[in-house]
């Protein structure tokens, strides 16, 4: 089930009807090809992977917070005020 969740609710912005390019940009395939053109030093690769991991954690946390604030059936935090 977890593998299929990434396909649910995916929104892709398409310009000029070019769906293939929009999907490739969304998945990061174009960036991977561009990155593999030249040699990447191991220290730069570690730095890039660490940055991407931090960005994934940050984006997941912000999405969790936004979903928490945007939910419709939440209790009143200060009842009686």
N, C-alpha and C. Protein backbone atom coordinates (compact mmCIF):
# COMPACT_ATOMS: atom_id res chain seq x y z
N UNK A 1 0.82 -1.20 0.00
CA UNK A 1 0.00 0.00 0.00
C UNK A 1 0.86 1.25 0.00
N UNK A 2 1.97 1.24 0.73
CA UNK A 2 2.81 2.43 0.83
C UNK A 2 3.40 2.81 -0.52
N UNK A 3 3.69 1.83 -1.37
CA UNK A 3 4.24 2.13 -2.69
C UNK A 3 3.21 2.82 -3.58
N UNK A 4 1.93 2.56 -3.35
CA UNK A 4 0.90 3.14 -4.19
C UNK A 4 0.46 4.51 -3.70
N UNK A 5 0.76 4.87 -2.48
CA UNK A 5 0.31 6.16 -1.96
C UNK A 5 0.96 7.34 -2.67
N UNK A 6 2.15 7.15 -3.20
CA UNK A 6 2.80 8.27 -3.87
C UNK A 6 2.12 8.62 -5.18
N UNK A 7 1.28 7.71 -5.72
CA UNK A 7 0.57 8.00 -6.95
C UNK A 7 -0.80 8.63 -6.68
N UNK A 8 -1.25 8.60 -5.45
CA UNK A 8 -2.57 9.13 -5.12
C UNK A 8 -2.44 10.63 -4.86
N UNK A 9 -3.26 11.40 -5.49
CA UNK A 9 -3.30 12.83 -5.23
C UNK A 9 -2.13 13.59 -5.81
N UNK A 10 -1.50 13.07 -6.84
CA UNK A 10 -0.38 13.76 -7.45
C UNK A 10 -0.90 14.78 -8.45
N UNK A 11 -0.43 16.01 -8.35
CA UNK A 11 -0.82 17.06 -9.26
C UNK A 11 0.40 17.48 -10.07
N UNK A 12 0.26 17.52 -11.37
CA UNK A 12 1.35 17.90 -12.25
C UNK A 12 0.93 19.12 -13.03
N UNK A 13 1.74 20.18 -12.97
CA UNK A 13 1.46 21.39 -13.73
C UNK A 13 2.02 21.22 -15.14
N UNK A 14 1.17 21.37 -16.15
CA UNK A 14 1.55 21.14 -17.54
C UNK A 14 1.52 22.46 -18.28
N UNK A 15 2.58 22.72 -19.05
CA UNK A 15 2.64 23.94 -19.86
C UNK A 15 2.60 23.55 -21.33
N UNK A 16 1.76 24.19 -22.09
CA UNK A 16 1.64 23.99 -23.53
C UNK A 16 1.32 22.54 -23.91
N UNK A 17 0.62 21.83 -23.05
CA UNK A 17 0.20 20.47 -23.35
C UNK A 17 1.32 19.44 -23.36
N UNK A 18 2.48 19.76 -22.78
CA UNK A 18 3.62 18.84 -22.78
C UNK A 18 3.59 18.02 -21.50
N UNK A 19 2.81 16.95 -21.52
CA UNK A 19 2.59 16.14 -20.32
C UNK A 19 3.84 15.34 -19.97
N UNK A 20 4.53 14.79 -20.98
CA UNK A 20 5.70 13.95 -20.72
C UNK A 20 6.79 14.73 -20.00
N UNK A 21 7.07 15.93 -20.45
CA UNK A 21 8.11 16.74 -19.81
C UNK A 21 7.72 17.12 -18.39
N UNK A 22 6.44 17.38 -18.15
CA UNK A 22 5.99 17.73 -16.81
C UNK A 22 6.14 16.55 -15.85
N UNK A 23 5.82 15.36 -16.32
CA UNK A 23 5.94 14.17 -15.46
C UNK A 23 7.41 13.85 -15.19
N UNK A 24 8.26 13.98 -16.21
CA UNK A 24 9.69 13.75 -16.00
C UNK A 24 10.27 14.75 -15.02
N UNK A 25 9.83 16.00 -15.11
CA UNK A 25 10.31 17.00 -14.17
C UNK A 25 9.82 16.71 -12.76
N UNK A 26 8.61 16.22 -12.64
CA UNK A 26 8.04 15.89 -11.33
C UNK A 26 8.81 14.75 -10.67
N UNK A 27 9.18 13.74 -11.44
CA UNK A 27 9.87 12.58 -10.90
C UNK A 27 11.36 12.81 -10.68
N UNK A 28 11.92 13.84 -11.29
CA UNK A 28 13.33 14.13 -11.11
C UNK A 28 14.23 13.37 -12.07
N UNK A 29 13.66 12.80 -13.12
CA UNK A 29 14.46 12.05 -14.08
C UNK A 29 15.38 12.99 -14.84
N UNK A 30 14.87 14.14 -15.24
CA UNK A 30 15.69 15.10 -15.99
C UNK A 30 16.86 15.58 -15.15
N UNK A 31 16.63 15.81 -13.86
CA UNK A 31 17.72 16.26 -12.98
C UNK A 31 18.77 15.17 -12.82
N UNK A 32 18.36 13.92 -12.73
CA UNK A 32 19.32 12.82 -12.59
C UNK A 32 20.17 12.69 -13.85
N UNK A 33 19.57 12.85 -15.01
CA UNK A 33 20.33 12.78 -16.25
C UNK A 33 21.30 13.95 -16.34
N UNK A 34 20.85 15.12 -15.98
CA UNK A 34 21.71 16.30 -16.02
C UNK A 34 22.87 16.16 -15.03
N UNK A 35 22.59 15.56 -13.88
CA UNK A 35 23.62 15.38 -12.87
C UNK A 35 24.65 14.35 -13.29
N UNK A 36 24.24 13.35 -14.06
CA UNK A 36 25.15 12.29 -14.44
C UNK A 36 26.02 12.64 -15.64
N UNK A 37 25.86 13.81 -16.21
CA UNK A 37 26.70 14.21 -17.33
C UNK A 37 28.15 14.41 -16.92
N UNK A 38 28.36 14.94 -15.75
CA UNK A 38 29.69 15.24 -15.27
C UNK A 38 29.97 14.46 -14.00
N UNK A 39 31.24 14.29 -13.70
CA UNK A 39 31.65 13.58 -12.50
C UNK A 39 31.29 14.41 -11.28
N UNK A 40 30.75 13.74 -10.29
CA UNK A 40 30.41 14.40 -9.03
C UNK A 40 31.33 13.83 -7.95
N UNK A 41 32.08 14.71 -7.34
CA UNK A 41 33.00 14.26 -6.31
C UNK A 41 32.23 13.60 -5.18
N UNK A 42 32.82 12.59 -4.52
CA UNK A 42 32.10 11.89 -3.45
C UNK A 42 31.66 12.82 -2.32
N UNK A 43 32.46 13.81 -1.99
CA UNK A 43 32.06 14.74 -0.93
C UNK A 43 30.85 15.57 -1.35
N UNK A 44 30.81 15.97 -2.63
CA UNK A 44 29.65 16.71 -3.11
C UNK A 44 28.42 15.83 -3.18
N UNK A 45 28.61 14.57 -3.53
CA UNK A 45 27.47 13.64 -3.58
C UNK A 45 26.90 13.44 -2.18
N UNK A 46 27.78 13.26 -1.18
CA UNK A 46 27.30 13.11 0.20
C UNK A 46 26.56 14.36 0.65
N UNK A 47 27.10 15.53 0.33
CA UNK A 47 26.47 16.80 0.72
C UNK A 47 25.10 16.94 0.06
N UNK A 48 25.01 16.58 -1.23
CA UNK A 48 23.75 16.67 -1.95
C UNK A 48 22.72 15.70 -1.38
N UNK A 49 23.15 14.44 -1.11
CA UNK A 49 22.22 13.46 -0.55
C UNK A 49 21.74 13.88 0.84
N UNK A 50 22.64 14.45 1.65
CA UNK A 50 22.24 14.92 2.99
C UNK A 50 21.24 16.07 2.87
N UNK A 51 21.49 16.98 1.93
CA UNK A 51 20.57 18.10 1.73
C UNK A 51 19.21 17.60 1.27
N UNK A 52 19.19 16.63 0.34
CA UNK A 52 17.92 16.09 -0.14
C UNK A 52 17.17 15.38 0.98
N UNK A 53 17.89 14.67 1.84
CA UNK A 53 17.25 13.98 2.96
C UNK A 53 16.65 15.00 3.94
N UNK A 54 17.40 16.05 4.24
CA UNK A 54 16.89 17.10 5.13
C UNK A 54 15.67 17.78 4.52
N UNK A 55 15.71 17.99 3.21
CA UNK A 55 14.58 18.63 2.55
C UNK A 55 13.34 17.74 2.60
N UNK A 56 13.52 16.42 2.41
CA UNK A 56 12.38 15.50 2.49
C UNK A 56 11.78 15.51 3.89
N UNK A 57 12.63 15.51 4.91
CA UNK A 57 12.13 15.53 6.30
C UNK A 57 11.38 16.83 6.56
N UNK A 58 11.96 17.96 6.13
CA UNK A 58 11.33 19.26 6.35
C UNK A 58 9.98 19.33 5.63
N UNK A 59 9.93 18.89 4.37
CA UNK A 59 8.68 18.95 3.62
C UNK A 59 7.62 18.03 4.22
N UNK A 60 8.03 16.88 4.69
CA UNK A 60 7.07 15.96 5.32
C UNK A 60 6.52 16.56 6.61
N UNK A 61 7.38 17.19 7.39
CA UNK A 61 6.94 17.81 8.64
C UNK A 61 6.00 18.98 8.37
N UNK A 62 6.33 19.80 7.38
CA UNK A 62 5.45 20.93 7.05
C UNK A 62 4.12 20.44 6.51
N UNK A 63 4.11 19.39 5.71
CA UNK A 63 2.86 18.83 5.20
C UNK A 63 2.02 18.29 6.35
N UNK A 64 2.67 17.67 7.33
CA UNK A 64 1.95 17.16 8.50
C UNK A 64 1.33 18.30 9.29
N UNK A 65 2.07 19.37 9.47
CA UNK A 65 1.55 20.53 10.22
C UNK A 65 0.41 21.21 9.49
N UNK A 66 0.54 21.36 8.18
CA UNK A 66 -0.52 21.99 7.40
C UNK A 66 -1.77 21.13 7.43
N UNK A 67 -1.61 19.81 7.32
CA UNK A 67 -2.77 18.92 7.37
C UNK A 67 -3.43 18.99 8.75
N UNK A 68 -2.63 19.14 9.80
CA UNK A 68 -3.19 19.24 11.14
C UNK A 68 -4.00 20.52 11.29
N UNK A 69 -3.47 21.64 10.79
CA UNK A 69 -4.18 22.91 10.91
C UNK A 69 -5.39 23.01 9.98
N UNK A 70 -5.34 22.32 8.86
CA UNK A 70 -6.41 22.43 7.87
C UNK A 70 -7.53 21.43 8.09
N UNK A 71 -7.43 20.55 9.05
CA UNK A 71 -8.51 19.57 9.23
C UNK A 71 -9.77 20.27 9.71
N UNK A 72 -10.89 19.74 9.29
CA UNK A 72 -12.15 20.44 9.52
C UNK A 72 -12.82 20.06 10.82
N UNK A 73 -12.64 18.86 11.31
CA UNK A 73 -13.37 18.40 12.50
C UNK A 73 -12.44 18.34 13.70
N UNK A 74 -11.87 19.48 14.07
CA UNK A 74 -11.00 19.48 15.24
C UNK A 74 -11.69 20.15 16.42
N UNK A 75 -11.29 19.81 17.62
CA UNK A 75 -11.91 20.35 18.82
C UNK A 75 -11.50 21.80 19.03
N UNK A 76 -12.33 22.51 19.74
CA UNK A 76 -12.00 23.87 20.10
C UNK A 76 -10.94 23.81 21.21
N UNK A 77 -9.76 24.43 21.01
CA UNK A 77 -8.71 24.31 22.03
C UNK A 77 -9.03 25.06 23.32
N UNK A 78 -9.89 26.07 23.25
CA UNK A 78 -10.26 26.83 24.45
C UNK A 78 -11.78 26.83 24.61
N UNK A 79 -12.35 25.74 25.10
CA UNK A 79 -13.81 25.71 25.25
C UNK A 79 -14.27 26.67 26.34
N UNK A 80 -15.35 27.31 26.07
CA UNK A 80 -15.95 28.23 27.04
C UNK A 80 -15.42 29.65 26.99
N UNK A 81 -14.54 29.96 26.06
CA UNK A 81 -14.01 31.32 25.97
C UNK A 81 -14.79 32.14 25.01
